[in-house]
Amino acid sequence: MPDPEQPAYEELAAQVAVLKGIVAEQAAVIEALRAEVAALRRQVGRDSSNSSQPPSQDGPAAGGKAKASGSRRARPGRGQGGQKGHPGASLAWAARPDETVVIEPGTCAGCGAGLAGAGGRVASAVQVLDIPPAALTVTEYQMMRRACGCGHVTTAAAPAGVTGGPVCYGPNVTGAATLLASTDVIGIERAADLMGALLKAPVSTGFVSRCLARLDAALITAGFEDALKGALRAADVLGTDETPAPLTTSAASAEGCGNPHVYTVRTLRAWTGGGPDLIWYGAAGNRTKAAITGFGILDGYRGVLVRDDYGGYLSYDAGLAGVQQCVAHLYRYLDDAYATDPQSQAWTRQAGDALRAAAVAVRAARDARQASLDPAFLAGLRHSYDQAVAYGISVNLSRPWHKGNHPGLILARRLKRKAAQVWLFATRFDVPATNNGSENAIRGYKLAAKISGCWRTLATLQRHCRIRSYLTTARSHGRRPLAAIRDALNSNAWMPPHPA
């Protein structure tokens, strides 16, 4: 006879159904929490090796993590240091030294007798390249006034570069102060201090500031920036990038200055076989498409643009001959996706290896003066890449993530959608695979922000950008910075050549 207190089968079945529902609900919560924990771990573990975060913002653990895991960003087949065929550089022996000093042994090392008048020859020689001790020299210029027989009186003008008086610094001091202050990591105060410490020319910060203002005014008068922009617009390949450039609180509170950035647009010949480059810097109070348009370089440009995937540049794509996505950025994104689950995201390794192999092959072909890669070899790499990306999409379609789609799915779809922009470098050897040239160009501004903290005003930052554009581009074309500064101050500024 059944126990009256024992639940009926229907009651047990109902309880089991409720428990199954609770277990299913808990399983869903656990899976969601797992995805959220994975996302948080991913966020905590992000640094310059797997994201767009600059190395300057890496934590202390980033270096150890890179050593422990091994860098996937290293170039296959290339060791550290100078590569085979690299010309190298060393100090050259001068056929006619400026000065020859004979060093005598004095006394005999054996018996101690004097060696004056004894026979001898040069046993060895060494040439020392050095800088003479710095010291100011005082030159007095006396401008004569002469009366002509016609009755007109003429007074000689002061030499070029001599301004002010009755006592003033000359063009060499002005040039040195300007050059020091125009570097990204020294600034006006340190430049004034170095002028006194290194060159024994104790100048004031006001003098240094006036030097920068004079050079900037000379460049504006000469039309240098407009000429540089015109030359850039005529180039076949350009790279572009931007970085934050903090202003003081009062300057950043001005209208349109809430998110100040420094931008660069440059040619990339040094990354595709050598040659002088054109390098422009500019600053704006925000990071928007309107700011980029306001610079007047990329609007109407019809060449190839090497860049990252920042949305402010996307609207230019339709009018360009092509776009090259920065492969260095893609390597980091692939590493980031791989870290979420090495087993399921192994496809990222295959895609990255295909791109690395292509980059190595392009460099080798370029060095060998070849015009293209072997079609079958390139097709094999593209097949490996496409296969990996297709797998990345399929394996992540239903993979849970705490917010939206899984990062692996987002990346794989992007790599498929923009494959032509990823692989352009493999068919056009004048296009570099990475945008490292642009990133290197603005690295100094990141260091300046790290060391000095901020810029006083947007106008002073823009002035600094104009001066850096001039000195960097002139130096790339073989013009020494001090000579370029003197030329500009003497109304003969160096001007960029127009690309052929």
Protein backbone atom coordinates (compact mmCIF):
# COMPACT_ATOMS: atom_id res chain seq x y z
CA MET A 1 0.00 0.00 0.00
CA PRO A 2 1.59 3.35 -1.02
CA ASP A 3 2.76 5.74 1.64
CA PRO A 4 0.26 8.59 1.83
CA GLU A 5 3.08 11.05 2.53
CA GLN A 6 5.08 10.01 -0.57
CA PRO A 7 4.55 12.50 -3.43
CA ALA A 8 2.80 11.26 -6.49
CA TYR A 9 4.64 10.69 -9.75
CA GLU A 10 3.10 13.78 -11.29
CA GLU A 11 4.40 15.94 -8.41
CA LEU A 12 7.91 14.47 -8.75
CA ALA A 13 7.87 15.07 -12.50
CA ALA A 14 6.82 18.67 -11.93
CA GLN A 15 9.59 19.19 -9.39
CA VAL A 16 12.16 17.67 -11.77
CA ALA A 17 10.98 20.00 -14.52
CA VAL A 18 11.38 22.99 -12.20
CA LEU A 19 14.86 21.86 -11.19
CA LYS A 20 15.81 21.36 -14.83
CA GLY A 21 14.70 24.91 -15.53
CA ILE A 22 16.77 26.20 -12.61
CA VAL A 23 19.82 24.24 -13.78
CA ALA A 24 19.40 25.54 -17.33
CA GLU A 25 19.05 29.08 -16.05
CA GLN A 26 22.15 28.69 -13.85
CA ALA A 27 24.08 27.17 -16.76
CA ALA A 28 23.20 30.21 -18.89
CA VAL A 29 24.29 32.54 -16.09
CA ILE A 30 27.53 30.60 -15.66
CA GLU A 31 28.23 30.76 -19.39
CA ALA A 32 27.52 34.50 -19.42
CA LEU A 33 29.80 35.01 -16.43
CA ARG A 34 32.53 32.99 -18.12
CA ALA A 35 32.26 35.20 -21.17
CA GLU A 36 32.35 38.31 -19.01
CA VAL A 37 35.38 37.06 -17.08
CA ALA A 38 37.12 36.31 -20.39
CA ALA A 39 36.32 39.82 -21.59
CA LEU A 40 37.64 41.36 -18.38
CA ARG A 41 40.82 39.28 -18.56
CA ARG A 42 41.21 40.38 -22.16
CA GLN A 43 40.81 44.01 -21.17
CA VAL A 44 43.30 43.76 -18.31
CA GLY A 45 45.79 41.95 -20.51
CA ARG A 46 45.75 44.49 -23.34
CA ASP A 47 48.93 46.39 -24.06
CA SER A 48 50.91 47.60 -27.08
CA SER A 49 51.52 44.01 -28.22
CA ASN A 50 47.85 43.18 -28.81
CA SER A 51 46.04 46.50 -29.23
CA SER A 52 46.47 50.06 -30.46
CA GLN A 53 47.66 51.17 -27.03
CA PRO A 54 51.01 53.00 -27.34
CA PRO A 55 54.03 51.37 -25.64
CA SER A 56 54.36 54.43 -23.40
CA GLN A 57 51.15 53.35 -21.64
CA ASP A 58 52.21 49.75 -21.03
CA GLY A 59 52.36 48.57 -17.44
CA PRO A 60 55.40 46.95 -15.82
CA ALA A 61 54.10 43.46 -16.63
CA ALA A 62 54.00 44.01 -20.39
CA GLY A 63 57.70 43.36 -20.95
CA GLY A 64 57.70 40.18 -18.91
CA LYS A 65 54.62 38.92 -20.71
CA ALA A 66 56.23 39.49 -24.09
CA LYS A 67 59.36 37.59 -23.06
CA ALA A 68 57.35 34.72 -21.59
CA SER A 69 55.05 34.30 -24.57
CA GLY A 70 57.52 35.07 -27.32
CA SER A 71 56.83 37.90 -29.72
CA ARG A 72 54.65 37.05 -32.70
CA ARG A 73 55.40 40.45 -34.13
CA ALA A 74 59.03 39.64 -34.89
CA ARG A 75 59.83 39.45 -38.58
CA PRO A 76 60.39 35.83 -39.64
CA GLY A 77 63.86 35.12 -40.95
CA ARG A 78 65.29 38.42 -39.72
CA GLY A 79 67.59 38.61 -36.74
CA GLN A 80 68.11 41.69 -34.63
CA GLY A 81 70.56 44.38 -35.74
CA GLY A 82 71.79 45.27 -39.21
CA GLN A 83 70.67 42.96 -42.01
CA LYS A 84 72.73 41.39 -44.77
CA GLY A 85 73.54 43.99 -47.41
CA HIS A 86 73.02 46.89 -45.01
CA PRO A 87 75.70 49.51 -45.89
CA GLY A 88 76.46 50.31 -42.26
CA ALA A 89 78.36 53.37 -41.14
CA SER A 90 81.71 54.06 -39.54
CA LEU A 91 84.14 56.95 -39.04
CA ALA A 92 86.14 57.60 -42.21
CA TRP A 93 89.91 58.13 -42.24
CA ALA A 94 90.77 61.65 -43.37
CA ALA A 95 93.48 61.94 -46.03
CA ARG A 96 94.31 65.44 -44.82
CA PRO A 97 93.65 65.94 -41.11
CA ASP A 98 93.13 69.47 -39.83
CA GLU A 99 96.01 69.05 -37.41
CA THR A 100 98.81 66.48 -36.92
CA VAL A 101 100.37 66.02 -33.50
CA VAL A 102 103.52 63.89 -33.14
CA ILE A 103 103.74 61.99 -29.84
CA GLU A 104 107.32 61.18 -28.74
CA PRO A 105 108.19 58.36 -26.35
CA GLY A 106 110.42 60.61 -24.22
CA THR A 107 112.89 58.14 -22.72
CA CYS A 108 113.96 54.60 -23.52
CA ALA A 109 111.68 52.02 -21.93
CA GLY A 110 114.73 49.78 -21.46
CA CYS A 111 117.57 51.85 -20.00
CA GLY A 112 115.85 55.14 -19.40
CA ALA A 113 118.20 57.13 -21.68
CA GLY A 114 116.88 60.15 -23.59
CA LEU A 115 115.80 59.54 -27.19
CA ALA A 116 116.27 63.07 -28.58
CA GLY A 117 117.91 62.80 -32.01
CA ALA A 118 117.49 59.01 -32.18
CA GLY A 119 116.18 57.46 -35.38
CA GLY A 120 112.55 56.49 -35.54
CA ARG A 121 109.37 56.08 -37.59
CA VAL A 122 105.59 56.28 -37.11
CA ALA A 123 104.56 53.08 -35.32
CA SER A 124 100.81 53.71 -35.33
CA ALA A 125 98.35 56.52 -35.79
CA VAL A 126 94.83 57.32 -34.66
CA GLN A 127 92.57 60.10 -35.85
CA VAL A 128 90.32 61.72 -33.27
CA LEU A 129 87.20 63.57 -34.38
CA ASP A 130 86.16 66.12 -31.79
CA ILE A 131 84.40 69.43 -31.31
CA PRO A 132 86.43 72.46 -30.29
CA PRO A 133 85.52 73.96 -26.91
CA ALA A 134 82.46 76.15 -27.23
CA ALA A 135 82.90 79.85 -26.53
CA LEU A 136 81.18 83.01 -27.65
CA THR A 137 83.18 85.30 -29.88
CA VAL A 138 82.38 89.00 -30.07
CA THR A 139 82.38 90.58 -33.51
CA GLU A 140 81.77 94.31 -33.88
CA TYR A 141 80.26 95.34 -37.19
CA GLN A 142 80.80 98.99 -38.05
CA MET A 143 78.36 100.05 -40.72
CA MET A 144 80.02 102.81 -42.70
CA ARG A 145 78.26 105.82 -44.13
CA ARG A 146 79.71 107.31 -47.33
CA ALA A 147 78.86 110.45 -49.20
CA CYS A 148 78.81 110.25 -52.98
CA GLY A 149 79.92 113.04 -55.24
CA CYS A 150 76.29 113.38 -56.33
CA GLY A 151 75.48 114.47 -52.80
CA HIS A 152 73.64 111.26 -51.76
CA VAL A 153 74.73 109.62 -48.48
CA THR A 154 74.59 105.81 -48.31
CA THR A 155 74.85 103.71 -45.15
CA ALA A 156 75.82 100.02 -45.25
CA ALA A 157 73.23 97.55 -44.04
CA ALA A 158 73.95 95.14 -41.20
CA PRO A 159 75.05 91.64 -42.30
CA ALA A 160 72.42 88.99 -42.88
CA GLY A 161 71.23 87.40 -39.65
CA VAL A 162 72.24 90.35 -37.46
CA THR A 163 69.20 91.93 -35.85
CA GLY A 164 68.70 94.23 -32.91
CA GLY A 165 71.45 96.03 -31.07
CA PRO A 166 73.53 97.62 -29.88
CA VAL A 167 74.45 94.12 -28.60
CA CYS A 168 72.74 90.99 -29.89
CA TYR A 169 73.25 87.31 -30.48
CA GLY A 170 74.31 86.26 -33.96
CA PRO A 171 72.75 83.79 -36.43
CA ASN A 172 74.61 80.76 -35.07
CA VAL A 173 73.32 81.28 -31.54
CA THR A 174 69.85 81.94 -32.90
CA GLY A 175 69.98 78.80 -35.03
CA ALA A 176 71.22 76.59 -32.19
CA ALA A 177 68.57 77.86 -29.76
CA THR A 178 65.85 77.39 -32.36
CA LEU A 179 66.97 73.86 -33.19
CA LEU A 180 67.12 72.77 -29.56
CA ALA A 181 63.72 74.22 -28.70
CA SER A 182 62.07 72.75 -31.80
CA THR A 183 62.83 69.17 -30.81
CA ASP A 184 59.95 67.28 -29.30
CA VAL A 185 61.43 66.45 -25.90
CA ILE A 186 63.48 69.50 -24.87
CA GLY A 187 61.21 72.52 -24.84
CA ILE A 188 61.99 76.19 -24.33
CA GLU A 189 63.21 76.07 -20.72
CA ARG A 190 65.56 73.14 -21.28
CA ALA A 191 66.81 74.65 -24.52
CA ALA A 192 67.80 77.87 -22.74
CA ASP A 193 69.56 75.86 -20.05
CA LEU A 194 71.45 73.74 -22.61
CA MET A 195 72.57 76.83 -24.52
CA GLY A 196 74.41 77.99 -21.43
CA ALA A 197 75.64 74.58 -20.28
CA LEU A 198 76.86 73.25 -23.63
CA LEU A 199 77.63 76.31 -25.73
CA LYS A 200 78.38 78.91 -23.04
CA ALA A 201 75.68 81.15 -24.49
CA PRO A 202 73.43 82.06 -21.54
CA VAL A 203 70.19 82.96 -23.28
CA SER A 204 66.79 83.59 -21.69
CA THR A 205 63.61 81.64 -22.29
CA GLY A 206 62.17 84.80 -23.84
CA PHE A 207 64.99 84.84 -26.38
CA VAL A 208 64.36 81.20 -27.28
CA SER A 209 60.63 81.83 -27.63
CA ARG A 210 61.29 84.78 -29.93
CA CYS A 211 63.59 82.60 -32.05
CA LEU A 212 60.78 80.11 -32.61
CA ALA A 213 58.32 82.89 -33.43
CA ARG A 214 60.77 84.41 -35.96
CA LEU A 215 61.29 81.09 -37.74
CA ASP A 216 57.57 80.37 -37.83
CA ALA A 217 56.84 83.82 -39.25
CA ALA A 218 59.52 83.31 -41.90
CA LEU A 219 58.00 79.96 -42.94
CA ILE A 220 54.51 81.46 -43.18
CA THR A 221 55.83 84.33 -45.30
CA ALA A 222 57.67 81.91 -47.59
CA GLY A 223 54.56 79.77 -48.06
CA PHE A 224 56.40 76.62 -47.01
CA GLU A 225 53.43 74.74 -45.56
CA ASP A 226 51.28 75.31 -48.63
CA ALA A 227 54.14 74.14 -50.86
CA LEU A 228 54.59 71.03 -48.72
CA LYS A 229 50.89 70.21 -48.85
CA GLY A 230 50.90 70.62 -52.63
CA ALA A 231 53.84 68.24 -52.95
CA LEU A 232 52.10 65.69 -50.73
CA ARG A 233 48.91 65.83 -52.77
CA ALA A 234 50.96 64.95 -55.86
CA ALA A 235 52.63 61.91 -54.27
CA ASP A 236 51.60 58.39 -55.30
CA VAL A 237 51.59 56.94 -51.76
CA LEU A 238 50.95 58.66 -48.44
CA GLY A 239 50.70 57.50 -44.85
CA THR A 240 48.74 59.24 -42.12
CA ASP A 241 48.31 58.90 -38.38
CA GLU A 242 47.37 60.96 -35.34
CA THR A 243 48.04 61.04 -31.61
CA PRO A 244 46.61 62.95 -28.63
CA ALA A 245 48.42 66.17 -27.71
CA PRO A 246 47.12 67.46 -24.37
CA LEU A 247 46.72 71.17 -23.76
CA THR A 248 46.52 73.05 -20.49
CA THR A 249 43.14 73.02 -18.78
CA SER A 250 42.37 76.59 -19.82
CA ALA A 251 43.40 75.95 -23.43
CA ALA A 252 41.44 72.69 -23.63
CA SER A 253 38.32 74.44 -22.34
CA ALA A 254 38.25 76.72 -25.39
CA GLU A 255 35.66 75.99 -28.06
CA GLY A 256 36.73 73.21 -30.40
CA CYS A 257 39.74 72.16 -28.28
CA GLY A 258 38.24 69.41 -26.16
CA ASN A 259 40.22 66.58 -27.77
CA PRO A 260 43.43 68.04 -29.26
CA HIS A 261 45.47 65.83 -31.58
CA VAL A 262 48.60 66.05 -33.68
CA TYR A 263 48.32 64.65 -37.21
CA THR A 264 50.93 63.65 -39.72
CA VAL A 265 50.73 63.03 -43.46
CA ARG A 266 53.91 61.85 -45.11
CA THR A 267 55.45 59.95 -47.98
CA LEU A 268 56.93 56.55 -47.16
CA ARG A 269 59.87 56.14 -49.52
CA ALA A 270 62.21 55.20 -46.69
CA TRP A 271 60.04 52.11 -46.10
CA THR A 272 59.91 50.99 -49.74
CA GLY A 273 63.46 51.23 -50.99
CA GLY A 274 64.80 54.55 -49.82
CA GLY A 275 64.73 58.16 -50.90
CA PRO A 276 63.92 61.52 -49.29
CA ASP A 277 60.51 61.94 -47.73
CA LEU A 278 57.99 64.73 -47.31
CA ILE A 279 56.71 64.91 -43.72
CA TRP A 280 53.93 67.25 -42.61
CA TYR A 281 52.62 67.80 -39.08
CA GLY A 282 49.49 69.64 -38.07
CA ALA A 283 47.35 70.09 -34.98
CA ALA A 284 43.64 70.46 -34.37
CA GLY A 285 41.47 70.80 -31.30
CA ASN A 286 39.63 67.55 -31.99
CA ARG A 287 39.83 64.22 -33.77
CA THR A 288 37.12 64.48 -36.38
CA LYS A 289 36.64 64.21 -40.12
CA ALA A 290 36.14 67.99 -40.19
CA ALA A 291 39.58 68.52 -38.67
CA ILE A 292 41.20 66.23 -41.25
CA THR A 293 39.37 68.01 -44.06
CA GLY A 294 40.48 71.38 -42.71
CA PHE A 295 44.13 70.51 -43.29
CA GLY A 296 43.51 70.50 -47.04
CA ILE A 297 45.66 67.50 -47.97
CA LEU A 298 43.52 64.38 -48.30
CA ASP A 299 40.47 66.00 -49.90
CA GLY A 300 40.89 65.38 -53.61
CA TYR A 301 43.90 63.11 -53.12
CA ARG A 302 43.93 60.28 -55.67
CA GLY A 303 46.87 58.10 -54.61
CA VAL A 304 47.22 55.24 -52.14
CA LEU A 305 46.68 55.93 -48.45
CA VAL A 306 48.38 53.78 -45.80
CA ARG A 307 46.48 54.01 -42.52
CA ASP A 308 44.80 52.25 -39.65
CA ASP A 309 41.04 51.75 -39.61
CA TYR A 310 40.06 54.98 -37.83
CA GLY A 311 36.65 56.04 -39.09
CA GLY A 312 37.70 59.61 -39.86
CA TYR A 313 39.53 58.40 -42.98
CA LEU A 314 36.89 56.04 -44.37
CA SER A 315 35.06 58.64 -46.43
CA TYR A 316 38.17 59.20 -48.55
CA ASP A 317 38.34 55.59 -49.75
CA ALA A 318 36.07 56.00 -52.76
CA GLY A 319 38.34 58.60 -54.37
CA LEU A 320 41.63 56.85 -53.70
CA ALA A 321 43.66 54.60 -55.96
CA GLY A 322 43.87 52.20 -53.03
CA VAL A 323 44.10 51.78 -49.27
CA GLN A 324 46.64 49.75 -47.33
CA GLN A 325 45.53 48.73 -43.86
CA CYS A 326 48.44 48.84 -41.44
CA VAL A 327 49.42 45.18 -41.07
CA ALA A 328 51.23 45.91 -37.79
CA HIS A 329 47.86 46.87 -36.31
CA LEU A 330 46.32 43.68 -37.67
CA TYR A 331 49.02 41.57 -36.04
CA ARG A 332 48.09 43.07 -32.70
CA TYR A 333 44.37 42.52 -33.24
CA LEU A 334 45.03 38.89 -34.21
CA ASP A 335 47.08 38.38 -31.05
CA ASP A 336 44.29 39.94 -29.01
CA ALA A 337 41.67 37.59 -30.47
CA TYR A 338 43.95 34.58 -30.01
CA ALA A 339 44.37 35.38 -26.31
CA THR A 340 40.62 35.03 -25.69
CA ASP A 341 40.81 31.26 -26.38
CA PRO A 342 43.98 29.86 -28.00
CA GLN A 343 42.26 26.63 -28.98
CA SER A 344 39.22 28.00 -30.80
CA GLN A 345 41.04 31.09 -32.13
CA ALA A 346 43.99 29.22 -33.67
CA TRP A 347 42.85 30.57 -37.05
CA THR A 348 44.41 33.94 -36.09
CA ARG A 349 47.86 32.31 -36.18
CA GLN A 350 47.32 31.01 -39.68
CA ALA A 351 46.10 34.37 -40.96
CA GLY A 352 48.97 36.24 -39.30
CA ASP A 353 51.57 33.79 -40.60
CA ALA A 354 50.31 34.25 -44.16
CA LEU A 355 50.65 38.03 -43.87
CA ARG A 356 54.11 37.78 -42.32
CA ALA A 357 55.31 35.43 -45.03
CA ALA A 358 54.02 37.83 -47.68
CA ALA A 359 55.78 40.79 -46.04
CA VAL A 360 59.08 38.89 -45.93
CA ALA A 361 58.71 37.85 -49.57
CA VAL A 362 57.94 41.40 -50.67
CA ARG A 363 61.04 42.77 -48.92
CA ALA A 364 63.21 40.09 -50.51
CA ALA A 365 61.73 40.71 -53.96
CA ARG A 366 62.13 44.45 -53.60
CA ASP A 367 65.77 44.06 -52.56
CA ALA A 368 66.33 41.80 -55.58
CA ARG A 369 64.85 44.45 -57.90
CA GLN A 370 61.92 42.22 -58.80
CA ALA A 371 58.64 43.80 -59.85
CA SER A 372 56.25 41.25 -58.36
CA LEU A 373 55.91 38.06 -56.36
CA ASP A 374 55.50 34.66 -57.95
CA PRO A 375 51.76 34.42 -58.71
CA ALA A 376 51.43 30.84 -57.46
CA PHE A 377 53.25 31.67 -54.22
CA LEU A 378 51.06 34.71 -53.60
CA ALA A 379 47.90 32.75 -54.44
CA GLY A 380 48.89 30.11 -51.88
CA LEU A 381 49.30 32.72 -49.16
CA ARG A 382 45.96 34.32 -50.01
CA HIS A 383 44.28 30.91 -49.91
CA SER A 384 45.73 30.23 -46.47
CA TYR A 385 44.57 33.66 -45.28
CA ASP A 386 41.08 33.32 -46.75
CA GLN A 387 40.73 29.82 -45.32
CA ALA A 388 41.72 31.03 -41.85
CA VAL A 389 39.33 33.98 -41.97
CA ALA A 390 36.44 31.76 -43.14
CA TYR A 391 37.08 29.41 -40.23
CA GLY A 392 37.27 32.39 -37.85
CA ILE A 393 33.79 33.44 -38.95
CA SER A 394 32.25 29.97 -38.68
CA VAL A 395 33.78 29.08 -35.30
CA ASN A 396 32.66 32.35 -33.72
CA LEU A 397 29.16 32.75 -35.17
CA SER A 398 27.45 31.34 -32.09
CA ARG A 399 30.25 31.79 -29.57
CA PRO A 400 28.92 33.69 -26.55
CA TRP A 401 30.28 37.03 -25.48
CA HIS A 402 29.09 39.22 -22.66
CA LYS A 403 28.34 42.14 -24.95
CA GLY A 404 27.57 41.83 -28.64
CA ASN A 405 29.51 39.55 -30.99
CA HIS A 406 32.67 37.73 -30.06
CA PRO A 407 35.86 39.76 -30.85
CA GLY A 408 37.06 36.91 -33.06
CA LEU A 409 33.92 37.14 -35.19
CA ILE A 410 34.17 40.92 -35.50
CA LEU A 411 37.82 40.67 -36.55
CA ALA A 412 37.31 37.80 -38.99
CA ARG A 413 34.45 39.59 -40.73
CA ARG A 414 36.52 42.74 -40.96
CA LEU A 415 39.49 40.85 -42.44
CA LYS A 416 37.22 39.29 -45.04
CA ARG A 417 35.45 42.54 -45.91
CA LYS A 418 38.70 44.49 -46.27
CA ALA A 419 40.97 41.78 -47.68
CA ALA A 420 41.86 43.93 -50.71
CA GLN A 421 43.07 46.70 -48.38
CA VAL A 422 45.02 44.20 -46.28
CA TRP A 423 46.89 42.66 -49.24
CA LEU A 424 47.59 45.68 -51.47
CA PHE A 425 51.26 45.76 -50.42
CA ALA A 426 51.78 42.31 -51.95
CA THR A 427 51.04 43.56 -55.47
CA ARG A 428 52.34 47.15 -55.24
CA PHE A 429 55.92 47.31 -54.03
CA ASP A 430 55.78 51.09 -53.62
CA VAL A 431 53.24 50.56 -50.83
CA PRO A 432 54.59 49.47 -47.42
CA ALA A 433 52.79 46.77 -45.48
CA THR A 434 52.69 48.84 -42.31
CA ASN A 435 52.13 52.43 -41.33
CA ASN A 436 55.21 52.39 -39.09
CA GLY A 437 56.63 55.40 -40.90
CA SER A 438 53.72 57.58 -39.83
CA GLU A 439 53.71 56.16 -36.32
CA ASN A 440 57.44 56.83 -35.98
CA ALA A 441 56.94 60.37 -37.25
CA ILE A 442 54.60 61.30 -34.41
CA ARG A 443 56.36 59.33 -31.69
CA GLY A 444 58.18 62.49 -30.61
CA TYR A 445 54.88 64.16 -29.77
CA LYS A 446 53.98 61.24 -27.52
CA LEU A 447 57.31 61.63 -25.75
CA ALA A 448 56.77 65.38 -25.46
CA ALA A 449 53.40 64.83 -23.80
CA LYS A 450 54.95 62.28 -21.47
CA ILE A 451 57.85 64.54 -20.45
CA SER A 452 56.41 68.05 -20.56
CA GLY A 453 52.82 67.17 -19.75
CA CYS A 454 50.97 69.49 -22.10
CA TRP A 455 51.13 72.40 -24.53
CA ARG A 456 50.18 75.88 -23.40
CA THR A 457 47.91 76.70 -26.34
CA LEU A 458 46.76 75.16 -29.59
CA ALA A 459 48.52 77.99 -31.46
CA THR A 460 51.93 77.14 -29.95
CA LEU A 461 51.37 73.47 -30.81
CA GLN A 462 50.51 74.40 -34.39
CA ARG A 463 53.64 76.57 -34.56
CA HIS A 464 55.72 73.65 -33.34
CA CYS A 465 54.17 71.43 -36.03
CA ARG A 466 55.06 73.88 -38.81
CA ILE A 467 58.66 74.14 -37.64
CA ARG A 468 58.99 70.36 -37.26
CA SER A 469 57.55 69.88 -40.76
CA TYR A 470 60.18 72.21 -42.17
CA LEU A 471 63.20 70.85 -40.33
CA THR A 472 62.30 67.17 -40.68
CA THR A 473 61.54 67.37 -44.39
CA ALA A 474 64.59 69.52 -45.13
CA ARG A 475 66.82 67.10 -43.24
CA SER A 476 65.35 64.15 -45.13
CA HIS A 477 66.41 65.92 -48.35
CA GLY A 478 69.98 66.42 -47.13
CA ARG A 479 69.68 69.98 -45.81
CA ARG A 480 71.24 70.39 -42.39
CA PRO A 481 68.84 71.83 -39.81
CA LEU A 482 71.06 74.77 -38.78
CA ALA A 483 71.55 75.75 -42.41
CA ALA A 484 67.82 75.40 -43.06
CA ILE A 485 67.05 77.69 -40.10
CA ARG A 486 69.54 80.33 -41.30
CA ASP A 487 68.10 80.14 -44.82
CA ALA A 488 64.56 80.71 -43.60
CA LEU A 489 65.54 83.62 -41.34
CA ASN A 490 67.36 85.18 -44.32
CA SER A 491 64.18 85.01 -46.46
CA ASN A 492 65.51 82.04 -48.44
CA ALA A 493 63.62 79.12 -46.89
CA TRP A 494 64.24 75.64 -48.24
CA MET A 495 61.24 74.52 -50.28
CA PRO A 496 60.10 70.94 -50.93
CA PRO A 497 60.52 69.59 -54.45
CA HIS A 498 57.39 68.61 -56.31
CA PRO A 499 57.23 64.83 -56.94
CA ALA A 500 58.01 63.85 -60.50
